[in-house]
């Protein structure tokens, strides 16, 4: 297995159209349907990076800033921002496009975490991510802080051990 892989090699772009069966009573895309699509595009990106079976470990706060209307074309873009031992953080951006009106907006952003597993479902090592573009570098650098926050919130890490988060807030400085 390669020691490092470019972030761009994991990029996946998925396109869907919002159909009547995908909508709520306001004729907007149902949140659960969008999360389903986000999970799929992110899983494919994680598989491309790891060349392994992957399972969803977490989905960070998904905020619904803009409704996506019936008939809109939804584009989901995902790539692996950083890999740890067996886990990978995947960044997802969602765009909604009203083609007849020639309008396209960014509607959602989120981070999902996946774990690569072997045939028996046990975690398995994944290659490191090599960021290249300024966006990839920024996301890569923030990934450790986001990971520490996830681990603290899930009670898998003591806040006192979160060195990256402490550095941001100068928690060691006396007031």
Protein backbone atom coordinates (compact mmCIF):
# COMPACT_ATOMS: atom_id res chain seq x y z
CA UNK A 1 0.00 0.00 0.00
CA UNK A 2 1.25 3.50 -0.86
CA UNK A 3 2.47 5.54 2.09
CA UNK A 4 0.86 8.75 0.78
CA UNK A 5 -1.82 9.58 -1.76
CA UNK A 6 -2.82 12.93 -3.19
CA UNK A 7 -6.09 14.30 -1.82
CA UNK A 8 -7.26 14.90 -5.38
CA UNK A 9 -7.17 11.17 -6.15
CA UNK A 10 -10.08 10.62 -3.77
CA UNK A 11 -12.32 13.33 -5.28
CA UNK A 12 -15.83 12.23 -6.21
CA UNK A 13 -18.54 14.31 -7.87
CA UNK A 14 -22.09 12.97 -7.76
CA UNK A 15 -25.13 14.56 -9.36
CA UNK A 16 -28.79 13.95 -8.53
CA UNK A 17 -32.07 15.59 -9.48
CA UNK A 18 -34.67 16.40 -6.81
CA UNK A 19 -37.76 14.42 -7.76
CA UNK A 20 -41.23 14.52 -6.13
CA UNK A 21 -40.51 11.40 -4.06
CA UNK A 22 -37.42 13.16 -2.54
CA UNK A 23 -39.35 16.15 -1.18
CA UNK A 24 -41.22 17.22 1.93
CA UNK A 25 -44.62 18.96 2.04
CA UNK A 26 -42.96 22.28 1.08
CA UNK A 27 -41.56 20.70 -2.13
CA UNK A 28 -37.99 20.93 -0.79
CA UNK A 29 -35.48 18.10 -0.64
CA UNK A 30 -35.88 16.10 2.57
CA UNK A 31 -32.89 16.38 4.91
CA UNK A 32 -32.61 12.63 5.32
CA UNK A 33 -32.39 12.14 1.55
CA UNK A 34 -29.59 14.71 1.35
CA UNK A 35 -27.72 13.04 4.23
CA UNK A 36 -28.10 9.71 2.40
CA UNK A 37 -26.53 11.20 -0.73
CA UNK A 38 -23.76 12.82 1.36
CA UNK A 39 -22.98 9.48 3.00
CA UNK A 40 -22.73 7.78 -0.39
CA UNK A 41 -20.44 10.37 -2.01
CA UNK A 42 -18.22 10.49 1.09
CA UNK A 43 -17.99 6.70 1.30
CA UNK A 44 -16.90 6.49 -2.33
CA UNK A 45 -14.19 9.12 -1.69
CA UNK A 46 -12.96 7.18 1.36
CA UNK A 47 -12.93 3.94 -0.64
CA UNK A 48 -10.95 5.58 -3.44
CA UNK A 49 -8.36 6.82 -0.95
CA UNK A 50 -8.03 3.59 1.03
CA UNK A 51 -8.86 0.96 -1.60
CA UNK A 52 -10.76 -0.76 1.20
CA UNK A 53 -14.26 -1.37 2.46
CA UNK A 54 -15.25 1.62 4.62
CA UNK A 55 -17.85 2.26 7.29
CA UNK A 56 -19.26 5.58 8.46
CA UNK A 57 -17.94 6.54 11.90
CA UNK A 58 -19.42 10.03 12.25
CA UNK A 59 -21.06 12.94 10.48
CA UNK A 60 -20.29 16.41 11.79
CA UNK A 61 -22.93 19.08 12.14
CA UNK A 62 -24.86 19.39 8.93
CA UNK A 63 -26.62 22.74 8.85
CA UNK A 64 -29.44 23.33 6.43
CA UNK A 65 -28.72 26.89 5.28
CA UNK A 66 -30.64 26.88 2.02
CA UNK A 67 -33.56 24.68 0.97
CA UNK A 68 -33.12 22.68 -2.22
CA UNK A 69 -36.25 22.83 -4.36
CA UNK A 70 -38.07 20.22 -6.38
CA UNK A 71 -36.47 20.06 -9.82
CA UNK A 72 -33.09 21.39 -8.70
CA UNK A 73 -29.96 19.53 -9.74
CA UNK A 74 -27.84 18.69 -6.71
CA UNK A 75 -24.08 18.26 -7.08
CA UNK A 76 -22.12 16.73 -4.22
CA UNK A 77 -18.33 16.99 -4.20
CA UNK A 78 -16.24 15.02 -1.70
CA UNK A 79 -12.59 14.24 -1.03
CA UNK A 80 -10.47 12.91 1.82
CA UNK A 81 -8.86 15.78 3.74
CA UNK A 82 -6.68 13.74 6.10
CA UNK A 83 -6.13 10.16 7.12
CA UNK A 84 -5.17 8.89 10.54
CA UNK A 85 -4.45 5.23 11.39
CA UNK A 86 -7.56 3.61 9.95
CA UNK A 87 -9.87 6.62 9.82
CA UNK A 88 -10.30 9.28 7.17
CA UNK A 89 -11.98 12.67 7.33
CA UNK A 90 -13.99 13.46 4.19
CA UNK A 91 -15.09 16.98 3.25
CA UNK A 92 -18.38 17.32 1.39
CA UNK A 93 -19.75 20.36 -0.42
CA UNK A 94 -23.28 20.45 -1.80
CA UNK A 95 -24.50 22.72 -4.59
CA UNK A 96 -28.06 23.24 -5.81
CA UNK A 97 -28.70 24.41 -9.33
CA UNK A 98 -31.89 25.75 -10.84
CA UNK A 99 -30.92 25.19 -14.47
CA UNK A 100 -33.81 27.07 -16.15
CA UNK A 101 -33.12 30.13 -13.94
CA UNK A 102 -29.35 29.77 -14.42
CA UNK A 103 -28.77 29.92 -10.61
CA UNK A 104 -26.34 27.80 -8.63
CA UNK A 105 -25.66 28.10 -4.89
CA UNK A 106 -23.64 26.28 -2.24
CA UNK A 107 -26.19 24.84 0.17
CA UNK A 108 -24.29 22.59 2.58
CA UNK A 109 -20.83 21.67 3.82
CA UNK A 110 -19.95 18.84 6.19
CA UNK A 111 -17.21 16.52 7.38
CA UNK A 112 -17.82 12.78 7.65
CA UNK A 113 -15.40 10.28 9.17
CA UNK A 114 -14.95 6.80 7.77
CA UNK A 115 -12.96 3.82 8.99
CA UNK A 116 -11.37 1.37 6.58
CA UNK A 117 -11.97 -2.25 7.54
CA UNK A 118 -10.74 -5.64 6.42
CA UNK A 119 -12.98 -8.52 5.30
CA UNK A 120 -13.70 -9.35 8.95
CA UNK A 121 -14.74 -5.80 9.82
CA UNK A 122 -11.57 -4.94 11.75
CA UNK A 123 -9.96 -1.51 11.25
CA UNK A 124 -7.06 -1.52 8.82
CA UNK A 125 -4.32 1.02 8.10
CA UNK A 126 -4.84 3.61 5.36
CA UNK A 127 -2.39 5.77 3.38
CA UNK A 128 -1.63 9.31 4.50
CA UNK A 129 -3.10 12.23 2.55
CA UNK A 130 -0.84 14.56 0.62
CA UNK A 131 -2.55 17.95 0.18
CA UNK A 132 -1.56 20.07 -2.81
CA UNK A 133 -3.93 23.01 -3.34
CA UNK A 134 -4.39 25.84 -0.80
CA UNK A 135 -7.90 24.52 0.03
CA UNK A 136 -6.54 20.98 0.57
CA UNK A 137 -3.74 22.31 2.81
CA UNK A 138 -6.18 24.39 4.90
CA UNK A 139 -8.55 21.45 5.36
CA UNK A 140 -5.65 19.09 6.12
CA UNK A 141 -4.25 21.43 8.78
CA UNK A 142 -7.63 21.81 10.50
CA UNK A 143 -8.41 18.09 10.45
CA UNK A 144 -6.49 17.23 13.63
CA UNK A 145 -8.37 19.90 15.60
CA UNK A 146 -11.70 18.66 14.25
CA UNK A 147 -10.71 15.08 15.11
CA UNK A 148 -9.80 16.03 18.66
CA UNK A 149 -13.11 17.84 19.07
CA UNK A 150 -15.01 14.78 17.78
CA UNK A 151 -13.12 12.55 20.20
CA UNK A 152 -13.81 14.86 23.15
CA UNK A 153 -17.52 15.11 22.31
CA UNK A 154 -17.78 11.32 22.04
CA UNK A 155 -15.92 10.99 25.37
CA UNK A 156 -13.06 9.08 23.73
CA UNK A 157 -10.51 11.79 24.58
CA UNK A 158 -9.86 13.81 27.71
CA UNK A 159 -10.01 17.55 26.89
CA UNK A 160 -6.68 17.95 28.69
CA UNK A 161 -5.05 15.74 26.05
CA UNK A 162 -6.30 17.85 23.11
CA UNK A 163 -3.04 19.67 22.38
CA UNK A 164 -4.20 21.10 19.03
CA UNK A 165 -7.35 22.59 20.56
CA UNK A 166 -5.48 23.92 23.59
CA UNK A 167 -3.07 25.73 21.27
CA UNK A 168 -5.95 27.62 19.63
CA UNK A 169 -7.46 28.81 22.88
CA UNK A 170 -4.23 29.19 24.88
CA UNK A 171 -5.79 27.05 27.59
CA UNK A 172 -2.44 26.69 29.32
CA UNK A 173 -2.08 30.45 29.79
CA UNK A 174 -3.03 31.74 33.26
CA UNK A 175 -5.63 34.50 33.19
